[in-house]
């Protein structure tokens, strides 16, 4: 507008999400558009124009460009311009003494996270234009991680090797939006096979497996600071050697149930090679007592969705049953049940308790 001047430099982001108000029937709705964004504010150098004059001027120019007006009122104009296969969204807000113009060129997300180097945690790189300012590394410590718990969230403590890094933008370098930061780390974590346990505009929490090691990761961002914290969870050692068949028989005779710690691939129902000695002892148990029938119960900790954990535990129980049948045990002597997180034997609030709850129970039928 004549008589207005740009204030500070425009706020530009290579990839950001912006909410636009659009008209829908007699109501309005909010549409989030992601892509390359720019916002510029203008203030009067003399007498201010009315909102009517400001909005009419911008609407006239948008009409001349062939843009479609999606919403307008006394202080706002929202429009969309389709040109050459590109979709551009524009919003103009005015209050006479200030005009804010926001433009988003809609684009698909493209990962830009670097490969791990320098002070980075070995599995995760960093955002271009950011540098590690501080690293906190402990052989054994704990951190708290927020995870989704149904419609709510909860915090769980994880103990093990701690690695925390704080990143800030290089002097004079570009700043990334929280959407770009979080999208990059989520893409990298999912490429590692991680399970995303919680996510919002500024946070990502995930758990993954690396060569049998459970690793927890959380990423917090506020554009000018990125905090990455990881804990390599201390493994739970149930026993040095797999239980012998006679010990299993004694436990079943005494309590009717015995717990086994059988290793599966992370977030899967595939047995790991080190499960073979335990399966062999269960086979021996069943062959030593031809009348014994067992219910194989899969159990999980309470991290992640309840229904998903029930399904996973059922699949793991079925995997164990299949392995026993493959070793010559009759199918009518076995059944599989998935309890998910519903039958814990320890507190899920710490690493040791969660590890104890991730088990397979043999129940005498």
Protein backbone atom coordinates (compact mmCIF):
# COMPACT_ATOMS: atom_id res chain seq x y z
CA UNK A 1 0.00 0.00 0.00
CA UNK A 2 1.22 3.55 -0.71
CA UNK A 3 2.26 5.17 2.54
CA UNK A 4 3.28 1.86 4.11
CA UNK A 5 6.77 0.40 4.50
CA UNK A 6 8.09 -3.04 5.32
CA UNK A 7 9.34 -3.36 8.86
CA UNK A 8 11.82 -6.09 9.65
CA UNK A 9 13.03 -8.59 7.07
CA UNK A 10 10.35 -11.06 5.98
CA UNK A 11 9.97 -14.32 7.86
CA UNK A 12 10.79 -17.07 5.37
CA UNK A 13 10.74 -20.83 5.84
CA UNK A 14 11.75 -23.49 3.31
CA UNK A 15 8.92 -25.71 4.55
CA UNK A 16 6.20 -24.71 7.00
CA UNK A 17 2.52 -25.26 7.67
CA UNK A 18 0.17 -22.26 7.74
CA UNK A 19 -3.51 -22.21 8.70
CA UNK A 20 -5.87 -20.45 6.28
CA UNK A 21 -9.53 -19.66 6.95
CA UNK A 22 -11.83 -20.60 4.06
CA UNK A 23 -15.57 -20.33 3.61
CA UNK A 24 -17.56 -23.55 3.64
CA UNK A 25 -21.27 -23.09 3.04
CA UNK A 26 -22.55 -20.71 5.70
CA UNK A 27 -19.60 -21.45 7.97
CA UNK A 28 -15.82 -21.38 7.80
CA UNK A 29 -13.12 -23.99 8.28
CA UNK A 30 -9.37 -23.99 8.71
CA UNK A 31 -7.13 -25.47 6.04
CA UNK A 32 -3.47 -26.12 6.80
CA UNK A 33 -1.23 -25.64 3.78
CA UNK A 34 2.41 -26.77 3.86
CA UNK A 35 5.20 -25.52 1.63
CA UNK A 36 7.62 -22.65 1.15
CA UNK A 37 6.32 -19.69 3.17
CA UNK A 38 6.96 -15.98 3.51
CA UNK A 39 5.32 -13.43 5.84
CA UNK A 40 5.91 -9.68 5.59
CA UNK A 41 4.49 -6.95 7.83
CA UNK A 42 3.96 -3.33 6.80
CA UNK A 43 3.33 -0.21 8.91
CA UNK A 44 2.33 3.34 7.91
CA UNK A 45 4.93 5.99 7.17
CA UNK A 46 2.23 8.68 7.45
CA UNK A 47 -1.55 8.58 7.69
CA UNK A 48 -2.96 5.06 7.82
CA UNK A 49 -5.45 3.78 5.27
CA UNK A 50 -8.77 2.27 6.27
CA UNK A 51 -9.15 -1.50 6.35
CA UNK A 52 -11.72 -1.14 3.55
CA UNK A 53 -9.17 0.59 1.30
CA UNK A 54 -6.42 -1.88 2.19
CA UNK A 55 -8.52 -4.98 1.59
CA UNK A 56 -10.07 -3.59 -1.64
CA UNK A 57 -6.60 -2.87 -3.05
CA UNK A 58 -5.28 -6.37 -2.34
CA UNK A 59 -8.47 -8.03 -3.60
CA UNK A 60 -8.28 -6.03 -6.84
CA UNK A 61 -4.69 -7.14 -7.39
CA UNK A 62 -5.52 -10.78 -6.57
CA UNK A 63 -8.45 -10.68 -9.01
CA UNK A 64 -6.09 -9.35 -11.68
CA UNK A 65 -3.80 -12.33 -11.08
CA UNK A 66 -6.71 -14.72 -11.53
CA UNK A 67 -6.76 -15.83 -7.89
CA UNK A 68 -9.80 -17.41 -6.29
CA UNK A 69 -11.01 -15.64 -3.16
CA UNK A 70 -11.77 -18.25 -0.50
CA UNK A 71 -12.69 -15.98 2.41
CA UNK A 72 -13.08 -12.28 3.12
CA UNK A 73 -14.31 -9.98 5.85
CA UNK A 74 -13.51 -6.46 7.04
CA UNK A 75 -9.94 -7.36 8.05
CA UNK A 76 -9.07 -10.49 6.08
CA UNK A 77 -8.69 -11.79 2.56
CA UNK A 78 -7.70 -15.37 1.77
CA UNK A 79 -7.10 -16.43 -1.83
CA UNK A 80 -5.62 -19.27 -3.84
CA UNK A 81 -3.75 -18.93 -7.11
CA UNK A 82 -3.28 -21.90 -9.46
CA UNK A 83 -0.72 -21.12 -12.15
CA UNK A 84 1.57 -23.37 -14.17
CA UNK A 85 0.77 -26.38 -12.01
CA UNK A 86 1.80 -24.50 -8.84
CA UNK A 87 -0.64 -23.75 -6.03
CA UNK A 88 -0.06 -20.56 -4.04
CA UNK A 89 -2.10 -19.48 -1.01
CA UNK A 90 -2.25 -15.84 0.09
CA UNK A 91 -3.65 -14.25 3.26
CA UNK A 92 -3.89 -10.51 3.93
CA UNK A 93 -4.71 -9.25 7.41
CA UNK A 94 -5.11 -5.55 8.20
CA UNK A 95 -5.85 -3.36 11.19
CA UNK A 96 -5.07 0.02 9.54
CA UNK A 97 -1.75 0.50 11.39
CA UNK A 98 -0.45 -2.91 10.34
CA UNK A 99 -0.74 -5.09 7.25
CA UNK A 100 0.43 -8.71 7.32
CA UNK A 101 0.83 -10.60 4.05
CA UNK A 102 1.45 -14.35 4.17
CA UNK A 103 2.20 -16.43 1.08
CA UNK A 104 2.65 -20.21 0.90
CA UNK A 105 3.78 -22.02 -2.23
CA UNK A 106 2.32 -25.47 -1.62
CA UNK A 107 4.97 -28.21 -1.85
CA UNK A 108 5.48 -31.82 -0.80
CA UNK A 109 7.86 -32.51 2.08
CA UNK A 110 11.42 -33.44 1.09
CA UNK A 111 13.78 -34.80 3.77
CA UNK A 112 16.92 -32.73 4.31
CA UNK A 113 18.36 -34.17 7.54
CA UNK A 114 22.09 -34.71 7.17
CA UNK A 115 23.91 -37.98 7.72
CA UNK A 116 25.21 -38.42 11.26
CA UNK A 117 28.58 -36.77 11.86
CA UNK A 118 30.57 -34.91 14.47
CA UNK A 119 28.64 -34.56 17.73
CA UNK A 120 25.44 -36.11 16.34
CA UNK A 121 23.98 -39.22 17.94
CA UNK A 122 25.28 -42.06 15.71
CA UNK A 123 21.85 -42.93 14.26
CA UNK A 124 20.56 -39.41 13.58
CA UNK A 125 21.97 -36.45 11.69
CA UNK A 126 20.97 -32.81 12.11
CA UNK A 127 19.13 -30.06 10.29
CA UNK A 128 21.20 -28.17 7.70
CA UNK A 129 22.14 -24.76 9.04
CA UNK A 130 22.19 -25.92 12.67
CA UNK A 131 25.19 -26.74 14.86
CA UNK A 132 25.55 -28.72 18.08
CA UNK A 133 26.08 -26.29 20.97
CA UNK A 134 26.06 -28.68 23.89
CA UNK A 135 26.35 -32.44 24.41
CA UNK A 136 25.54 -34.29 27.63
CA UNK A 137 26.65 -37.92 27.64
CA UNK A 138 26.28 -40.33 30.59
CA UNK A 139 27.01 -44.05 30.75
CA UNK A 140 23.97 -44.60 32.95
CA UNK A 141 21.23 -42.12 33.71
CA UNK A 142 17.55 -41.67 33.00
CA UNK A 143 15.22 -39.40 31.09
CA UNK A 144 11.45 -39.01 30.91
CA UNK A 145 9.54 -39.63 27.67
CA UNK A 146 5.95 -38.61 26.91
CA UNK A 147 3.96 -41.37 25.19
CA UNK A 148 0.40 -41.61 23.94
CA UNK A 149 -1.90 -43.46 26.35
CA UNK A 150 -5.30 -43.83 24.70
CA UNK A 151 -6.75 -40.33 24.42
CA UNK A 152 -4.29 -39.02 27.02
CA UNK A 153 -0.53 -39.01 27.46
CA UNK A 154 1.76 -40.23 30.20
CA UNK A 155 5.43 -39.85 31.07
CA UNK A 156 7.65 -42.91 31.44
CA UNK A 157 11.17 -43.02 32.84
CA UNK A 158 13.83 -44.86 30.86
CA UNK A 159 17.21 -45.82 32.29
CA UNK A 160 20.41 -46.52 30.36
CA UNK A 161 23.07 -44.77 28.32
CA UNK A 162 22.04 -41.12 27.92
CA UNK A 163 22.99 -38.85 24.99
CA UNK A 164 21.55 -35.33 24.80
CA UNK A 165 22.35 -32.68 22.19
CA UNK A 166 21.22 -29.06 21.76
CA UNK A 167 21.34 -27.54 18.26
CA UNK A 168 21.01 -23.87 17.36
CA UNK A 169 21.12 -22.10 13.97
CA UNK A 170 24.45 -21.01 12.56
CA UNK A 171 25.02 -17.26 12.77
CA UNK A 172 23.15 -15.66 9.91
CA UNK A 173 21.94 -19.05 8.67
CA UNK A 174 18.38 -20.02 7.77
CA UNK A 175 15.93 -21.10 10.47
CA UNK A 176 13.69 -24.10 9.85
CA UNK A 177 10.06 -24.29 10.91
CA UNK A 178 8.99 -26.75 13.60
CA UNK A 179 7.05 -28.64 10.93
CA UNK A 180 10.17 -29.08 8.81
CA UNK A 181 12.29 -30.07 11.81
CA UNK A 182 9.81 -32.59 13.19
CA UNK A 183 8.99 -34.02 9.74
CA UNK A 184 12.69 -34.60 9.08
CA UNK A 185 13.35 -36.42 12.34
CA UNK A 186 10.17 -38.49 12.02
CA UNK A 187 11.11 -39.55 8.51
CA UNK A 188 14.60 -40.54 9.69
CA UNK A 189 13.22 -42.46 12.68
CA UNK A 190 10.65 -44.31 10.59
CA UNK A 191 13.41 -45.24 8.12
CA UNK A 192 15.18 -46.86 11.09
CA UNK A 193 12.05 -48.89 11.85
CA UNK A 194 11.11 -46.84 14.90
CA UNK A 195 7.66 -46.81 16.46
CA UNK A 196 6.39 -43.23 16.92
CA UNK A 197 4.94 -43.09 20.44
CA UNK A 198 3.94 -39.42 20.57
CA UNK A 199 3.95 -36.48 18.20
CA UNK A 200 2.69 -32.90 18.16
CA UNK A 201 3.83 -29.64 16.61
CA UNK A 202 6.99 -29.41 18.70
CA UNK A 203 7.69 -32.95 19.88
CA UNK A 204 8.44 -36.42 18.57
CA UNK A 205 8.96 -39.45 20.83
CA UNK A 206 9.95 -42.82 19.38
CA UNK A 207 11.37 -46.20 20.31
CA UNK A 208 13.49 -48.36 18.02
CA UNK A 209 15.72 -51.40 18.03
CA UNK A 210 19.34 -51.45 16.92
CA UNK A 211 21.05 -54.85 17.01
CA UNK A 212 18.91 -55.94 19.95
CA UNK A 213 19.29 -52.65 21.83
CA UNK A 214 16.11 -50.71 22.66
CA UNK A 215 16.69 -47.01 21.99
CA UNK A 216 14.34 -44.21 23.02
CA UNK A 217 14.45 -40.87 21.19
CA UNK A 218 12.74 -37.55 21.77
CA UNK A 219 13.06 -34.42 19.67
CA UNK A 220 11.87 -31.01 20.87
CA UNK A 221 11.99 -27.96 18.63
CA UNK A 222 11.18 -24.27 18.81
CA UNK A 223 12.77 -23.20 15.48
CA UNK A 224 15.82 -21.54 17.06
CA UNK A 225 16.62 -24.56 19.22
CA UNK A 226 16.44 -28.32 18.66
CA UNK A 227 16.90 -30.69 21.60
CA UNK A 228 17.57 -34.36 20.81
CA UNK A 229 17.69 -36.82 23.71
CA UNK A 230 18.30 -40.56 23.43
CA UNK A 231 18.48 -43.36 25.98
CA UNK A 232 19.92 -46.76 25.10
CA UNK A 233 17.77 -48.72 27.53
CA UNK A 234 19.64 -51.00 29.89
CA UNK A 235 18.66 -54.58 28.97
CA UNK A 236 16.95 -56.81 31.51
CA UNK A 237 18.85 -60.01 32.24
CA UNK A 238 16.26 -62.61 33.24
CA UNK A 239 18.87 -65.35 33.62
CA UNK A 240 22.30 -66.20 32.29
CA UNK A 241 21.24 -69.58 30.88
CA UNK A 242 17.89 -70.71 29.47
CA UNK A 243 15.69 -72.55 32.00
CA UNK A 244 15.98 -76.34 31.94
CA UNK A 245 13.02 -78.59 31.23
CA UNK A 246 12.97 -80.02 34.77
CA UNK A 247 12.94 -76.50 36.27
CA UNK A 248 10.02 -75.59 34.02
CA UNK A 249 8.18 -78.74 35.09
CA UNK A 250 8.75 -77.94 38.78
CA UNK A 251 7.46 -74.36 38.35
CA UNK A 252 4.35 -75.57 36.52
CA UNK A 253 3.68 -78.19 39.18
CA UNK A 254 4.04 -75.55 41.92
CA UNK A 255 2.25 -72.52 40.44
CA UNK A 256 0.71 -73.70 37.18
CA UNK A 257 2.52 -70.96 35.26
CA UNK A 258 6.10 -70.08 34.36
CA UNK A 259 7.42 -66.94 32.65
CA UNK A 260 9.93 -67.07 29.81
CA UNK A 261 11.91 -64.19 28.32
CA UNK A 262 12.04 -65.01 24.64
CA UNK A 263 13.52 -62.43 22.28
CA UNK A 264 11.59 -61.32 19.21
CA UNK A 265 12.53 -58.82 16.53
CA UNK A 266 11.52 -55.30 17.53
CA UNK A 267 7.81 -54.64 17.07
CA UNK A 268 7.46 -58.00 15.27
CA UNK A 269 6.52 -61.60 15.99
CA UNK A 270 9.71 -63.06 14.54
CA UNK A 271 11.85 -65.13 16.91
CA UNK A 272 15.48 -64.14 17.22
CA UNK A 273 18.16 -66.84 16.94
CA UNK A 274 18.90 -66.69 20.68
CA UNK A 275 15.33 -67.89 21.37
CA UNK A 276 16.18 -71.37 20.04
CA UNK A 277 17.68 -72.77 23.31
CA UNK A 278 14.58 -71.71 25.27
CA UNK A 279 12.22 -73.26 22.72
CA UNK A 280 14.30 -76.47 22.87
CA UNK A 281 13.76 -76.72 26.64
CA UNK A 282 9.99 -76.24 26.25
CA UNK A 283 9.98 -79.00 23.64
CA UNK A 284 11.85 -81.26 26.06
CA UNK A 285 9.35 -80.39 28.80
CA UNK A 286 6.43 -81.44 26.62
CA UNK A 287 8.12 -84.60 25.38
CA UNK A 288 8.98 -85.63 28.95
CA UNK A 289 5.30 -85.38 29.94
CA UNK A 290 3.06 -86.67 27.18
CA UNK A 291 -0.08 -85.62 29.06
CA UNK A 292 0.95 -81.99 29.54
CA UNK A 293 -1.00 -79.33 27.67
CA UNK A 294 0.08 -75.69 27.63
CA UNK A 295 -1.51 -72.36 26.96
CA UNK A 296 1.16 -70.01 25.57
CA UNK A 297 0.40 -66.42 26.64
CA UNK A 298 2.07 -63.43 24.99
CA UNK A 299 2.50 -60.30 27.14
CA UNK A 300 3.80 -56.79 26.44
CA UNK A 301 4.56 -53.63 28.37
CA UNK A 302 2.04 -50.78 28.18
CA UNK A 303 3.95 -48.58 25.73
CA UNK A 304 2.04 -47.99 22.51
CA UNK A 305 -1.59 -48.60 21.57
CA UNK A 306 -3.47 -51.15 23.68
CA UNK A 307 -5.17 -52.96 20.80
CA UNK A 308 -1.94 -53.03 18.81
CA UNK A 309 -0.09 -54.59 21.75
CA UNK A 310 -2.80 -57.22 22.19
CA UNK A 311 -2.50 -58.16 18.52
CA UNK A 312 1.30 -58.25 18.68
CA UNK A 313 1.27 -60.43 21.80
CA UNK A 314 -1.20 -62.83 20.14
CA UNK A 315 1.04 -63.10 17.08
CA UNK A 316 4.08 -63.76 19.26
CA UNK A 317 2.26 -66.46 21.20
CA UNK A 318 1.23 -68.06 17.90
CA UNK A 319 4.86 -67.91 16.71
CA UNK A 320 5.99 -69.84 19.80
CA UNK A 321 3.21 -72.41 19.30
CA UNK A 322 4.23 -72.82 15.66
CA UNK A 323 7.86 -73.38 16.71
CA UNK A 324 6.79 -76.07 19.19
CA UNK A 325 4.59 -77.77 16.61
CA UNK A 326 7.47 -77.63 14.15
CA UNK A 327 9.54 -79.55 16.69
CA UNK A 328 6.99 -82.36 16.80
CA UNK A 329 4.54 -81.29 19.52
CA UNK A 330 0.90 -82.08 18.65
CA UNK A 331 -1.26 -79.04 17.96
CA UNK A 332 -4.04 -80.23 20.28
CA UNK A 333 -1.65 -79.87 23.25
CA UNK A 334 -1.12 -76.15 22.65
CA UNK A 335 -3.10 -72.92 22.46
CA UNK A 336 -2.05 -69.29 22.01
CA UNK A 337 -3.40 -66.25 23.85
CA UNK A 338 -2.43 -62.58 23.54
CA UNK A 339 -2.80 -60.58 26.75
CA UNK A 340 -1.05 -57.44 25.52
CA UNK A 341 -0.35 -55.18 28.53
CA UNK A 342 -3.28 -56.44 30.61
CA UNK A 343 -1.41 -58.87 32.90
CA UNK A 344 1.71 -57.06 34.15
CA UNK A 345 3.90 -58.68 36.79
CA UNK A 346 5.92 -55.51 37.46
CA UNK A 347 5.57 -51.72 37.35
CA UNK A 348 5.60 -50.29 33.83
CA UNK A 349 6.99 -46.97 35.08
CA UNK A 350 10.65 -48.01 34.80
CA UNK A 351 12.85 -49.90 32.37
CA UNK A 352 13.28 -53.03 34.48
CA UNK A 353 9.55 -53.40 35.11
CA UNK A 354 8.66 -52.98 31.44
CA UNK A 355 11.29 -55.58 30.49
CA UNK A 356 9.81 -58.05 32.98
CA UNK A 357 6.35 -57.53 31.52
CA UNK A 358 7.56 -58.31 27.98
CA UNK A 359 7.40 -62.08 28.40
CA UNK A 360 5.80 -65.35 27.33
CA UNK A 361 3.93 -67.32 30.00
CA UNK A 362 3.43 -71.07 29.86
CA UNK A 363 0.16 -71.87 31.61
CA UNK A 364 -0.73 -75.46 32.51
CA UNK A 365 -4.12 -76.47 31.09
